[in-house]
Amino acid sequence: MSRVKKKRTGGQPVIWLDVPRRSEKLADPDSYESRKRKNLDKKKKVKSVYDKHQDDQNQGERGSEQRKTRLADKIRKLKKDD
């Protein structure tokens, strides 16, 4: 019994698809590319040591300022009376 050799056939004709460019994908708000880019932009960035130090100093300055609200005044008055 003999084996049949495989033949290379032309197969199906190649159909070139007109795929949208990356810039077109980014322009479409519902596309994967644009959603990925938007989420990367929103992603929380890691602060440097310098930025953390600056934030701590600013937070300390803000904490020392007195709040000018009626409730804060009332609490201050009660503490002063004690």
Protein backbone atom coordinates (compact mmCIF):
# COMPACT_ATOMS: atom_id res chain seq x y z
CA MET A 1 0.00 0.00 0.00
CA SER A 2 1.45 3.36 -0.97
CA ARG A 3 1.10 6.64 0.85
CA VAL A 4 -0.30 9.71 -0.78
CA LYS A 5 2.07 12.67 -0.68
CA LYS A 6 0.81 15.94 0.71
CA LYS A 7 0.29 18.58 -1.92
CA ARG A 8 0.74 22.26 -1.44
CA THR A 9 -2.38 23.92 -2.66
CA GLY A 10 -3.07 27.59 -3.07
CA GLY A 11 -5.68 27.46 -0.35
CA GLN A 12 -8.07 30.32 0.15
CA PRO A 13 -7.28 33.70 -1.36
CA VAL A 14 -5.81 36.24 1.07
CA ILE A 15 -8.28 38.90 2.15
CA TRP A 16 -6.60 42.03 3.51
CA LEU A 17 -8.58 43.64 6.31
CA ASP A 18 -8.62 47.39 6.72
CA VAL A 19 -7.79 47.49 10.43
CA PRO A 20 -8.13 50.90 12.11
CA ARG A 21 -4.91 52.67 13.05
CA ARG A 22 -3.90 53.15 16.69
CA SER A 23 -4.75 56.84 16.56
CA GLU A 24 -8.25 55.97 15.35
CA LYS A 25 -8.62 53.45 18.17
CA LEU A 26 -7.55 56.07 20.72
CA ALA A 27 -10.07 58.53 19.30
CA ASP A 28 -12.93 56.07 19.91
CA PRO A 29 -13.87 56.35 23.64
CA ASP A 30 -15.20 52.78 23.83
CA SER A 31 -12.17 51.04 22.35
CA TYR A 32 -9.81 48.92 24.42
CA GLU A 33 -6.87 51.17 23.57
CA SER A 34 -8.53 54.38 24.74
CA ARG A 35 -9.91 52.81 27.93
CA LYS A 36 -6.45 51.41 28.71
CA ARG A 37 -4.80 54.81 28.14
CA LYS A 38 -7.41 56.58 30.29
CA ASN A 39 -6.94 54.11 33.16
CA LEU A 40 -3.16 54.42 32.99
CA ASP A 41 -3.50 58.19 33.25
CA LYS A 42 -5.85 57.87 36.25
CA LYS A 43 -3.64 55.34 37.99
CA LYS A 44 -2.21 56.59 41.26
CA LYS A 45 1.43 57.51 40.85
CA VAL A 46 4.00 56.59 43.50
CA LYS A 47 5.28 59.72 45.20
CA SER A 48 8.96 60.37 45.63
CA VAL A 49 10.47 60.77 49.09
CA TYR A 50 10.79 64.50 48.47
CA ASP A 51 7.09 64.83 47.56
CA LYS A 52 6.05 62.84 50.65
CA HIS A 53 8.18 65.14 52.83
CA GLN A 54 6.64 68.24 51.24
CA ASP A 55 3.13 66.88 51.78
CA ASP A 56 3.88 66.15 55.44
CA GLN A 57 5.13 69.72 55.95
CA ASN A 58 2.08 71.18 54.21
CA GLN A 59 -0.23 68.98 56.26
CA GLY A 60 1.42 70.20 59.46
CA GLU A 61 0.93 73.82 58.45
CA ARG A 62 -2.72 73.22 57.61
CA GLY A 63 -3.32 71.49 60.94
CA SER A 64 -2.01 74.45 62.92
CA GLU A 65 -4.47 76.86 61.28
CA GLN A 66 -7.66 77.34 63.25
CA ARG A 67 -10.92 76.51 61.55
CA LYS A 68 -13.35 79.38 61.31
CA THR A 69 -16.65 77.53 61.77
CA ARG A 70 -19.32 77.89 64.39
CA LEU A 71 -18.82 74.35 65.67
CA ALA A 72 -15.05 74.84 65.98
CA ASP A 73 -15.62 78.10 67.86
CA LYS A 74 -18.08 76.38 70.19
CA ILE A 75 -15.62 73.57 70.94
CA ARG A 76 -12.80 76.08 71.52
CA LYS A 77 -15.01 78.02 73.92
CA LEU A 78 -15.94 74.85 75.86
CA LYS A 79 -12.28 73.81 76.12
CA LYS A 80 -11.33 77.29 77.30
CA ASP A 81 -13.96 77.19 80.07
CA ASP A 82 -12.63 73.89 81.49
